[in-house]
Amino acid sequence: MSLSEFFTFEQQENKEIKVVIKPEDLIEIGSENVSMKLVNNGSNKQEIGFLIEEYAPNSTTGSSNIKHEGEEVGTVLSGEVELEYNGETYLIKAGESYVIDTTIPHKFTNHSDKACRMISAHTPKAF
């Protein structure tokens, strides 16, 4: 069972398919300093994973790079975040977007003293 499937399992058993998802219904799958709120309507047929993310000042997705099946697209809404991807480092600022193959190891880090807010979508929905 993938991480996102684990956190949505209880919702899937509920069988209530939502059209509007309220903030309190978002599923937190992040860590202490990196919030990743999964937008899920309760359907196991949902094809796309969608996250609302917030990186606290000086936070990271981890000490090592991550990889998982699929691809990911994201946009930084405020602040900035550094993306380490395929041996390169990219600084993504508010209004800028990225597109990556997530089978290639990657990592996000906020080196600034301000929070970074971003949204991202990934396929497949499980990662």
Protein backbone atom coordinates (compact mmCIF):
# COMPACT_ATOMS: atom_id res chain seq x y z
CA MET A 1 0.00 0.00 0.00
CA SER A 2 1.40 3.40 -0.97
CA LEU A 3 1.64 6.40 1.37
CA SER A 4 -1.29 8.22 -0.24
CA GLU A 5 -3.43 5.04 -0.31
CA PHE A 6 -2.73 4.52 3.41
CA PHE A 7 -3.97 8.00 4.30
CA THR A 8 -7.07 7.80 2.07
CA PHE A 9 -8.08 4.23 2.96
CA GLU A 10 -10.53 5.32 5.67
CA GLN A 11 -12.13 7.87 3.35
CA GLN A 12 -12.57 5.25 0.63
CA GLU A 13 -14.47 3.01 3.04
CA ASN A 14 -16.80 5.93 3.79
CA LYS A 15 -18.05 5.80 0.16
CA GLU A 16 -19.08 9.47 0.26
CA ILE A 17 -17.83 11.00 -2.99
CA LYS A 18 -17.42 14.74 -2.47
CA VAL A 19 -17.46 17.51 -5.03
CA VAL A 20 -16.33 20.26 -2.66
CA ILE A 21 -13.56 19.40 -0.23
CA LYS A 22 -13.35 21.67 2.81
CA PRO A 23 -10.00 22.60 4.38
CA GLU A 24 -10.70 20.38 7.39
CA ASP A 25 -11.21 17.40 5.04
CA LEU A 26 -7.75 17.66 3.48
CA ILE A 27 -5.49 14.75 4.42
CA GLU A 28 -2.12 15.71 5.93
CA ILE A 29 0.61 13.40 4.64
CA GLY A 30 3.61 15.64 5.30
CA SER A 31 6.01 15.90 8.18
CA GLU A 32 6.60 18.32 11.04
CA ASN A 33 8.14 21.11 8.93
CA VAL A 34 6.67 20.30 5.51
CA SER A 35 2.88 20.25 5.24
CA MET A 36 1.47 18.26 2.32
CA LYS A 37 -2.31 18.28 2.28
CA LEU A 38 -3.82 15.76 -0.09
CA VAL A 39 -7.02 16.81 -1.84
CA ASN A 40 -9.12 13.64 -2.09
CA ASN A 41 -12.83 13.30 -2.80
CA GLY A 42 -13.20 9.84 -1.24
CA SER A 43 -13.24 7.98 -4.56
CA ASN A 44 -10.78 5.20 -5.32
CA LYS A 45 -11.26 6.09 -9.01
CA GLN A 46 -9.57 9.49 -8.64
CA GLU A 47 -6.75 9.43 -11.22
CA ILE A 48 -4.70 12.46 -10.15
CA GLY A 49 -3.04 13.26 -6.85
CA PHE A 50 -3.21 16.92 -5.87
CA LEU A 51 -1.31 18.48 -2.97
CA ILE A 52 -1.36 21.85 -1.21
CA GLU A 53 2.11 22.19 0.24
CA GLU A 54 3.78 24.52 2.72
CA TYR A 55 7.48 24.45 3.48
CA ALA A 56 8.38 26.13 6.76
CA PRO A 57 11.49 28.35 6.75
CA ASN A 58 14.67 26.25 6.44
CA SER A 59 12.79 22.97 5.88
CA THR A 60 13.29 20.09 3.47
CA THR A 61 11.57 16.95 2.23
CA GLY A 62 14.42 15.00 3.80
CA SER A 63 18.15 14.49 4.00
CA SER A 64 18.11 12.21 0.96
CA ASN A 65 16.45 12.44 -2.42
CA ILE A 66 13.14 10.69 -3.03
CA LYS A 67 11.76 8.95 -6.09
CA HIS A 68 8.48 7.30 -6.98
CA GLU A 69 6.60 6.21 -10.07
CA GLY A 70 5.09 8.88 -12.30
CA GLU A 71 5.40 12.55 -13.07
CA GLU A 72 4.71 15.74 -11.12
CA VAL A 73 3.78 19.30 -12.00
CA GLY A 74 3.78 22.13 -9.47
CA THR A 75 3.57 25.89 -9.06
CA VAL A 76 5.03 28.01 -6.27
CA LEU A 77 2.32 30.37 -4.98
CA SER A 78 4.47 32.35 -2.52
CA GLY A 79 8.06 32.28 -1.37
CA GLU A 80 10.64 30.12 -3.08
CA VAL A 81 11.90 26.55 -2.96
CA GLU A 82 15.01 24.81 -4.20
CA LEU A 83 14.56 21.66 -6.29
CA GLU A 84 17.43 19.18 -6.56
CA TYR A 85 16.73 17.05 -9.62
CA ASN A 86 18.84 14.90 -11.92
CA GLY A 87 22.13 16.36 -10.64
CA GLU A 88 20.99 19.97 -11.04
CA THR A 89 19.70 22.54 -8.54
CA TYR A 90 16.85 24.88 -9.45
CA LEU A 91 15.47 27.83 -7.47
CA ILE A 92 11.73 28.08 -8.13
CA LYS A 93 10.15 31.41 -7.18
CA ALA A 94 6.54 32.53 -6.74
CA GLY A 95 4.69 32.27 -10.04
CA GLU A 96 7.12 29.75 -11.50
CA SER A 97 6.31 26.09 -12.14
CA TYR A 98 8.16 22.82 -12.59
CA VAL A 99 7.54 19.53 -14.40
CA ILE A 100 9.54 16.44 -13.41
CA ASP A 101 9.74 12.70 -13.97
CA THR A 102 9.47 11.45 -10.38
CA THR A 103 11.35 8.23 -11.10
CA ILE A 104 14.44 10.46 -11.07
CA PRO A 105 15.61 11.21 -7.49
CA HIS A 106 14.58 14.67 -6.29
CA LYS A 107 14.32 16.81 -3.17
CA PHE A 108 12.72 20.14 -2.21
CA THR A 109 14.32 22.55 0.29
CA ASN A 110 13.28 25.99 1.54
CA HIS A 111 16.52 27.77 2.47
CA SER A 112 14.80 31.10 3.14
CA ASP A 113 13.42 32.60 6.36
CA LYS A 114 9.89 32.77 4.86
CA ALA A 115 7.39 29.96 4.29
CA CYS A 116 6.93 28.65 0.76
CA ARG A 117 3.43 27.70 -0.41
CA MET A 118 2.91 25.65 -3.54
CA ILE A 119 0.49 23.30 -5.24
CA SER A 120 1.37 20.14 -7.13
CA ALA A 121 -0.33 17.40 -9.09
CA HIS A 122 1.09 13.95 -9.74
CA THR A 123 0.24 10.77 -11.54
CA PRO A 124 -0.36 8.12 -10.63
CA LYS A 125 -2.24 9.30 -7.57
CA ALA A 126 -0.42 6.83 -5.34
CA PHE A 127 3.18 7.58 -4.40
